[in-house]
């Protein structure tokens, strides 16, 4: 694992195997509380729900996450409602989680820091 903080790293194309449970656990410890590894639709995902005061703040957050995703060329699934957004990261090319998911999650953490 790199000594560079996750939020300072950049996503790179991933292939091969997904991260094992030990690596996921180590990287999860570098994120803000609230992130969890689970399954959604038969896929392993890194996810967190964010709550906001109103719809405008929710959409501002969604747009900021979209900018991160575009800039890193790594795109999450977003579930958006009036005052809540759930962000789910997954790397399809490895069939699970990669370092890219944790880099992007750490960058999202910076939005709410």
Protein backbone atom coordinates (compact mmCIF):
# COMPACT_ATOMS: atom_id res chain seq x y z
CA UNK A 1 0.00 0.00 0.00
CA UNK A 2 1.16 3.51 -0.79
CA UNK A 3 2.17 5.99 1.89
CA UNK A 4 0.49 8.77 -0.12
CA UNK A 5 -2.95 9.59 1.32
CA UNK A 6 -5.77 8.08 -0.71
CA UNK A 7 -7.31 11.47 -1.56
CA UNK A 8 -3.98 12.54 -3.14
CA UNK A 9 -3.70 9.49 -5.40
CA UNK A 10 -5.09 9.21 -8.93
CA UNK A 11 -7.13 6.40 -10.41
CA UNK A 12 -5.47 4.19 -13.00
CA UNK A 13 -6.89 1.46 -15.21
CA UNK A 14 -7.33 -1.72 -13.17
CA UNK A 15 -7.31 -5.31 -14.36
CA UNK A 16 -6.78 -8.66 -12.74
CA UNK A 17 -8.13 -9.56 -9.35
CA UNK A 18 -10.25 -7.52 -6.99
CA UNK A 19 -8.85 -6.51 -3.61
CA UNK A 20 -9.08 -9.24 -0.99
CA UNK A 21 -10.94 -8.72 2.29
CA UNK A 22 -7.76 -7.83 4.22
CA UNK A 23 -6.80 -5.10 1.74
CA UNK A 24 -10.38 -3.77 1.73
CA UNK A 25 -10.35 -3.61 5.53
CA UNK A 26 -7.01 -1.76 5.57
CA UNK A 27 -8.18 0.80 3.01
CA UNK A 28 -11.57 1.18 4.69
CA UNK A 29 -9.69 2.30 7.81
CA UNK A 30 -8.30 5.25 5.83
CA UNK A 31 -11.77 6.60 5.03
CA UNK A 32 -14.13 8.65 7.17
CA UNK A 33 -16.63 6.66 9.24
CA UNK A 34 -19.79 5.67 7.40
CA UNK A 35 -18.27 3.81 4.46
CA UNK A 36 -18.95 0.09 4.31
CA UNK A 37 -18.27 -2.84 2.03
CA UNK A 38 -21.35 -4.81 1.09
CA UNK A 39 -23.15 -6.33 -1.87
CA UNK A 40 -25.66 -4.74 -4.18
CA UNK A 41 -27.15 -6.65 -7.09
CA UNK A 42 -24.66 -9.46 -6.60
CA UNK A 43 -21.65 -7.10 -6.78
CA UNK A 44 -19.27 -6.10 -4.00
CA UNK A 45 -19.54 -2.33 -3.46
CA UNK A 46 -18.04 0.37 -1.29
CA UNK A 47 -20.90 2.57 -0.18
CA UNK A 48 -21.91 5.43 2.06
CA UNK A 49 -25.11 7.43 2.52
CA UNK A 50 -24.87 11.21 2.94
CA UNK A 51 -27.66 13.37 4.39
CA UNK A 52 -28.31 17.04 3.65
CA UNK A 53 -30.61 19.82 4.79
CA UNK A 54 -32.44 20.16 1.48
CA UNK A 55 -32.59 19.22 -2.17
CA UNK A 56 -30.31 22.04 -3.33
CA UNK A 57 -27.48 20.89 -1.06
CA UNK A 58 -28.04 17.28 -2.14
CA UNK A 59 -27.74 18.23 -5.81
CA UNK A 60 -24.65 20.36 -5.14
CA UNK A 61 -23.07 17.28 -3.57
CA UNK A 62 -24.13 15.08 -6.50
CA UNK A 63 -22.55 17.54 -8.94
CA UNK A 64 -19.32 17.60 -6.94
CA UNK A 65 -19.20 13.78 -6.92
CA UNK A 66 -19.85 13.82 -10.68
CA UNK A 67 -16.87 16.16 -11.15
CA UNK A 68 -14.63 13.81 -9.13
CA UNK A 69 -15.86 10.84 -11.16
CA UNK A 70 -15.23 12.62 -14.44
CA UNK A 71 -11.80 13.85 -13.39
CA UNK A 72 -10.75 10.38 -12.19
CA UNK A 73 -12.56 8.52 -15.02
CA UNK A 74 -14.14 6.26 -12.41
CA UNK A 75 -17.89 6.48 -11.98
CA UNK A 76 -20.12 5.47 -9.04
CA UNK A 77 -23.74 4.53 -8.85
CA UNK A 78 -25.69 7.31 -7.14
CA UNK A 79 -29.06 6.95 -5.46
CA UNK A 80 -30.47 10.44 -5.00
CA UNK A 81 -33.52 11.62 -3.06
CA UNK A 82 -34.61 14.94 -1.57
CA UNK A 83 -32.07 15.14 1.25
CA UNK A 84 -29.96 12.02 0.83
CA UNK A 85 -27.46 10.57 -1.61
CA UNK A 86 -25.99 7.08 -1.45
CA UNK A 87 -22.69 6.67 -3.30
CA UNK A 88 -21.64 3.18 -4.41
CA UNK A 89 -18.23 2.47 -5.92
CA UNK A 90 -17.24 -0.73 -7.74
CA UNK A 91 -14.64 -1.60 -10.38
CA UNK A 92 -16.26 -3.67 -13.11
CA UNK A 93 -12.94 -4.56 -14.77
CA UNK A 94 -11.84 -6.53 -11.68
CA UNK A 95 -15.26 -7.80 -10.67
CA UNK A 96 -15.18 -6.19 -7.23
CA UNK A 97 -13.31 -3.46 -5.43
CA UNK A 98 -10.01 -1.90 -6.51
CA UNK A 99 -7.83 0.87 -5.13
CA UNK A 100 -9.74 3.25 -7.44
CA UNK A 101 -12.90 2.83 -5.38
CA UNK A 102 -11.09 3.85 -2.21
CA UNK A 103 -9.29 6.76 -3.89
CA UNK A 104 -12.61 8.16 -5.09
CA UNK A 105 -14.28 7.57 -1.73
CA UNK A 106 -11.45 9.48 -0.03
CA UNK A 107 -11.92 12.33 -2.49
CA UNK A 108 -15.65 12.38 -1.70
CA UNK A 109 -14.72 12.49 2.00
CA UNK A 110 -12.83 15.70 1.26
CA UNK A 111 -16.12 17.29 0.14
CA UNK A 112 -17.66 16.81 3.55
CA UNK A 113 -14.51 17.50 5.60
